[in-house]
C-alpha atoms as a PDB file:
ATOM      1  CA  MET A   1     -45.525  69.355  36.731  1.00  0.00           C
ATOM      2  CA  THR A   2     -42.087  70.892  36.971  1.00  0.00           C
ATOM      3  CA  GLN A   3     -38.842  69.002  36.537  1.00  0.00           C
ATOM      4  CA  LEU A   4     -38.036  69.688  40.184  1.00  0.00           C
ATOM      5  CA  GLN A   5     -41.319  68.070  41.313  1.00  0.00           C
ATOM      6  CA  LEU A   6     -40.695  65.104  39.048  1.00  0.00           C
ATOM      7  CA  THR A   7     -37.107  64.711  40.282  1.00  0.00           C
ATOM      8  CA  ASN A   8     -38.110  64.996  43.940  1.00  0.00           C
ATOM      9  CA  HIS A   9     -40.827  62.406  43.541  1.00  0.00           C
ATOM     10  CA  ALA A  10     -38.455  60.097  41.663  1.00  0.00           C
ATOM     11  CA  ARG A  11     -35.916  60.368  44.508  1.00  0.00           C
ATOM     12  CA  LYS A  12     -38.608  59.434  47.057  1.00  0.00           C
ATOM     13  CA  SER A  13     -39.639  56.460  44.910  1.00  0.00           C
ATOM     14  CA  VAL A  14     -36.052  55.243  44.666  1.00  0.00           C
ATOM     15  CA  GLU A  15     -35.574  55.593  48.425  1.00  0.00           C
ATOM     16  CA  ARG A  16     -38.760  53.574  49.088  1.00  0.00           C
ATOM     17  CA  TRP A  17     -37.653  50.938  46.592  1.00  0.00           C
ATOM     18  CA  LEU A  18     -34.211  50.640  48.199  1.00  0.00           C
ATOM     19  CA  GLU A  19     -35.806  50.267  51.649  1.00  0.00           C
ATOM     20  CA  HIS A  20     -38.181  47.612  50.316  1.00  0.00           C
ATOM     21  CA  ASP A  21     -35.365  45.821  48.510  1.00  0.00           C
ATOM     22  CA  GLU A  22     -33.266  45.692  51.688  1.00  0.00           C
ATOM     23  CA  ASP A  23     -36.257  44.428  53.702  1.00  0.00           C
ATOM     24  CA  GLN A  24     -36.812  41.699  51.096  1.00  0.00           C
ATOM     25  CA  ARG A  25     -33.140  40.660  51.309  1.00  0.00           C
ATOM     26  CA  GLN A  26     -33.331  40.411  55.094  1.00  0.00           C
ATOM     27  CA  ILE A  27     -36.538  38.389  54.946  1.00  0.00           C
ATOM     28  CA  TYR A  28     -34.995  36.043  52.403  1.00  0.00           C
ATOM     29  CA  GLU A  29     -31.899  35.535  54.530  1.00  0.00           C
ATOM     30  CA  SER A  30     -33.924  34.842  57.680  1.00  0.00           C
ATOM     31  CA  THR A  31     -36.751  32.672  56.334  1.00  0.00           C
ATOM     32  CA  GLY A  32     -36.606  32.480  52.541  1.00  0.00           C
ATOM     33  CA  LYS A  33     -33.758  29.986  52.329  1.00  0.00           C
ATOM     34  CA  VAL A  34     -35.414  27.716  54.882  1.00  0.00           C
ATOM     35  CA  LEU A  35     -38.703  27.862  52.968  1.00  0.00           C
ATOM     36  CA  GLU A  36     -36.971  27.049  49.677  1.00  0.00           C
ATOM     37  CA  ALA A  37     -35.261  24.020  51.220  1.00  0.00           C
ATOM     38  CA  ALA A  38     -38.527  22.774  52.758  1.00  0.00           C
ATOM     39  CA  THR A  39     -40.352  23.281  49.451  1.00  0.00           C
ATOM     40  CA  GLU A  40     -37.733  21.358  47.470  1.00  0.00           C
ATOM     41  CA  LYS A  41     -37.844  18.480  49.970  1.00  0.00           C
ATOM     42  CA  LEU A  42     -41.656  18.377  49.741  1.00  0.00           C
ATOM     43  CA  LYS A  43     -41.515  18.358  45.921  1.00  0.00           C
ATOM     44  CA  THR A  44     -39.081  15.442  46.054  1.00  0.00           C
ATOM     45  CA  LEU A  45     -41.414  13.526  48.378  1.00  0.00           C
ATOM     46  CA  LEU A  46     -44.433  14.296  46.173  1.00  0.00           C
ATOM     47  CA  LYS A  47     -42.594  13.088  43.060  1.00  0.00           C
ATOM     48  CA  ALA A  48     -41.704   9.863  44.864  1.00  0.00           C
ATOM     49  CA  ALA A  49     -45.334   9.445  45.969  1.00  0.00           C
ATOM     50  CA  ASP A  50     -46.488   9.980  42.381  1.00  0.00           C
ATOM     51  CA  GLU A  51     -44.000   7.409  41.065  1.00  0.00           C
ATOM     52  CA  GLU A  52     -45.257   4.932  43.675  1.00  0.00           C
ATOM     53  CA  GLY A  53     -48.804   5.494  42.398  1.00  0.00           C
ATOM     54  CA  GLN A  54     -50.197   7.034  45.568  1.00  0.00           C
ATOM     55  CA  ASP A  55     -53.691   8.528  45.339  1.00  0.00           C
ATOM     56  CA  PHE A  56     -53.291  12.269  44.871  1.00  0.00           C
ATOM     57  CA  ASP A  57     -57.015  12.796  45.457  1.00  0.00           C
ATOM     58  CA  LEU A  58     -56.174  12.476  49.152  1.00  0.00           C
ATOM     59  CA  LEU A  59     -53.961  15.550  48.795  1.00  0.00           C
ATOM     60  CA  THR A  60     -56.587  17.886  47.342  1.00  0.00           C
ATOM     61  CA  GLY A  61     -59.863  19.465  48.325  1.00  0.00           C
ATOM     62  CA  PRO A  62     -61.389  20.253  51.713  1.00  0.00           C
ATOM     63  CA  LYS A  63     -60.405  16.847  53.160  1.00  0.00           C
ATOM     64  CA  SER A  64     -56.791  17.097  51.980  1.00  0.00           C
ATOM     65  CA  LEU A  65     -54.169  15.428  54.140  1.00  0.00           C
ATOM     66  CA  LEU A  66     -52.059  18.526  53.505  1.00  0.00           C
ATOM     67  CA  ARG A  67     -54.539  20.860  55.204  1.00  0.00           C
ATOM     68  CA  PHE A  68     -53.397  22.082  58.629  1.00  0.00           C
ATOM     69  CA  PRO A  69     -56.099  24.315  60.177  1.00  0.00           C
ATOM     70  CA  GLU A  70     -54.322  24.251  63.541  1.00  0.00           C
ATOM     71  CA  VAL A  71     -51.481  26.293  62.026  1.00  0.00           C
ATOM     72  CA  GLY A  72     -53.679  28.156  59.542  1.00  0.00           C
ATOM     73  CA  GLY A  73     -52.226  26.854  56.305  1.00  0.00           C
ATOM     74  CA  MET A  74     -52.251  24.130  53.725  1.00  0.00           C
ATOM     75  CA  VAL A  75     -50.244  22.864  50.777  1.00  0.00           C
ATOM     76  CA  VAL A  76     -51.973  23.091  47.420  1.00  0.00           C
ATOM     77  CA  VAL A  77     -50.648  20.434  45.055  1.00  0.00           C
ATOM     78  CA  ARG A  78     -51.050  20.960  41.330  1.00  0.00           C
ATOM     79  CA  ARG A  79     -49.940  18.240  38.961  1.00  0.00           C
ATOM     80  CA  ALA A  80     -49.392  19.097  35.321  1.00  0.00           C
ATOM     81  CA  MET A  81     -50.499  16.050  33.403  1.00  0.00           C
ATOM     82  CA  GLN A  82     -49.524  15.082  29.886  1.00  0.00           C
ATOM     83  CA  PRO A  83     -50.925  12.376  27.669  1.00  0.00           C
ATOM     84  CA  VAL A  84     -48.851   9.345  26.798  1.00  0.00           C
ATOM     85  CA  ASP A  85     -47.600   9.152  23.224  1.00  0.00           C
ATOM     86  CA  CYS A  86     -50.377   9.860  20.703  1.00  0.00           C
ATOM     87  CA  GLU A  87     -49.996  10.172  16.914  1.00  0.00           C
ATOM     88  CA  LYS A  88     -52.846  12.688  16.558  1.00  0.00           C
ATOM     89  CA  LEU A  89     -51.354  14.893  19.237  1.00  0.00           C
ATOM     90  CA  ARG A  90     -47.891  14.674  17.715  1.00  0.00           C
ATOM     91  CA  LYS A  91     -49.258  15.876  14.351  1.00  0.00           C
ATOM     92  CA  LEU A  92     -51.036  18.787  16.013  1.00  0.00           C
ATOM     93  CA  GLU A  93     -47.838  19.722  17.855  1.00  0.00           C
ATOM     94  CA  GLU A  94     -45.948  19.712  14.537  1.00  0.00           C
ATOM     95  CA  ARG A  95     -48.565  22.057  13.033  1.00  0.00           C
ATOM     96  CA  GLU A  96     -48.357  24.262  16.127  1.00  0.00           C
ATOM     97  CA  LYS A  97     -44.570  24.467  15.818  1.00  0.00           C
ATOM     98  CA  HIS A  98     -44.888  25.385  12.131  1.00  0.00           C
ATOM     99  CA  HIS A  99     -47.332  28.196  12.965  1.00  0.00           C
ATOM    100  CA  LYS A 100     -45.106  29.435  15.797  1.00  0.00           C
ATOM    101  CA  ASP A 101     -42.188  29.561  13.373  1.00  0.00           C
ATOM    102  CA  GLN A 102     -44.298  31.536  10.900  1.00  0.00           C
ATOM    103  CA  LEU A 103     -45.391  33.904  13.680  1.00  0.00           C
ATOM    104  CA  ALA A 104     -41.768  34.416  14.714  1.00  0.00           C
ATOM    105  CA  LYS A 105     -40.876  35.342  11.117  1.00  0.00           C
ATOM    106  CA  ILE A 106     -43.735  37.841  10.960  1.00  0.00           C
ATOM    107  CA  SER A 107     -42.690  39.293  14.312  1.00  0.00           C
ATOM    108  CA  ASN A 108     -39.124  39.729  13.042  1.00  0.00           C
ATOM    109  CA  GLU A 109     -40.421  41.428   9.872  1.00  0.00           C
ATOM    110  CA  ARG A 110     -42.416  43.809  12.064  1.00  0.00           C
ATOM    111  CA  LYS A 111     -39.364  44.638  14.208  1.00  0.00           C
ATOM    112  CA  LYS A 112     -37.305  45.269  11.065  1.00  0.00           C
ATOM    113  CA  LEU A 113     -39.990  47.552   9.643  1.00  0.00           C
ATOM    114  CA  ILE A 114     -40.124  49.537  12.898  1.00  0.00           C
ATOM    115  CA  ALA A 115     -36.327  49.884  12.832  1.00  0.00           C
ATOM    116  CA  ASP A 116     -36.512  51.059   9.202  1.00  0.00           C
ATOM    117  CA  LEU A 117     -39.203  53.601  10.118  1.00  0.00           C
ATOM    118  CA  LYS A 118     -36.921  54.988  12.848  1.00  0.00           C
ATOM    119  CA  VAL A 119     -34.093  55.349  10.335  1.00  0.00           C
ATOM    120  CA  ALA A 120     -36.488  57.106   7.936  1.00  0.00           C
ATOM    121  CA  GLU A 121     -37.419  59.470  10.800  1.00  0.00           C
ATOM    122  CA  HIS A 122     -41.039  58.349  10.759  1.00  0.00           C
ATOM    123  CA  GLN A 123     -43.105  59.970  13.526  1.00  0.00           C
ATOM    124  CA  PHE A 124     -43.677  57.877  16.678  1.00  0.00           C
ATOM    125  CA  THR A 125     -45.962  58.435  19.678  1.00  0.00           C
ATOM    126  CA  THR A 126     -45.687  57.087  23.222  1.00  0.00           C
ATOM    127  CA  LYS A 127     -47.361  53.698  23.509  1.00  0.00           C
ATOM    128  CA  SER A 128     -46.748  53.228  27.214  1.00  0.00           C
ATOM    129  CA  ILE A 129     -44.441  54.233  30.036  1.00  0.00           C
ATOM    130  CA  THR A 130     -42.911  51.696  32.394  1.00  0.00           C
ATOM    131  CA  ILE A 131     -40.736  52.138  35.442  1.00  0.00           C
ATOM    132  CA  ALA A 132     -37.896  49.978  36.710  1.00  0.00           C
ATOM    133  CA  TYR A 133     -35.591  50.567  39.629  1.00  0.00           C
ATOM    134  CA  LYS A 134     -31.892  49.844  39.535  1.00  0.00           C
ATOM    135  CA  GLU A 135     -29.084  50.258  42.025  1.00  0.00           C
ATOM    136  CA  CYS A 136     -26.272  52.589  41.057  1.00  0.00           C
ATOM    137  CA  THR A 137     -22.980  53.564  42.652  1.00  0.00           C
ATOM    138  CA  LYS A 138     -23.011  56.549  44.989  1.00  0.00           C
END
């Protein structure tokens, strides 16, 4: 592949991305803000229902009260549950934190070693190639 082919294809990709990005902005302005507001209101109502002890089983499954076949959609409610205070669990969480701290130290050692290898002009090979798009001034 020549540099010209690569550059031409990159330009086309950027143009498509810019078009898509503008379309996404327009969609957000027209319906995204309304959806976000409706979603936040529903979350507030669901939290209140949970605090009141309402039966969430009525809000899940094929008989869910939040299923609206006439409009072709439904709300799927997922509650993240956590146990009430438990000594055994607290001890496990402390051990987990300790191991995460150790892992973070090892990860930092690895990063430092890689940086040292770069300084020592150690040979590197491509691990992967990623692409990101970014606006720039004309």
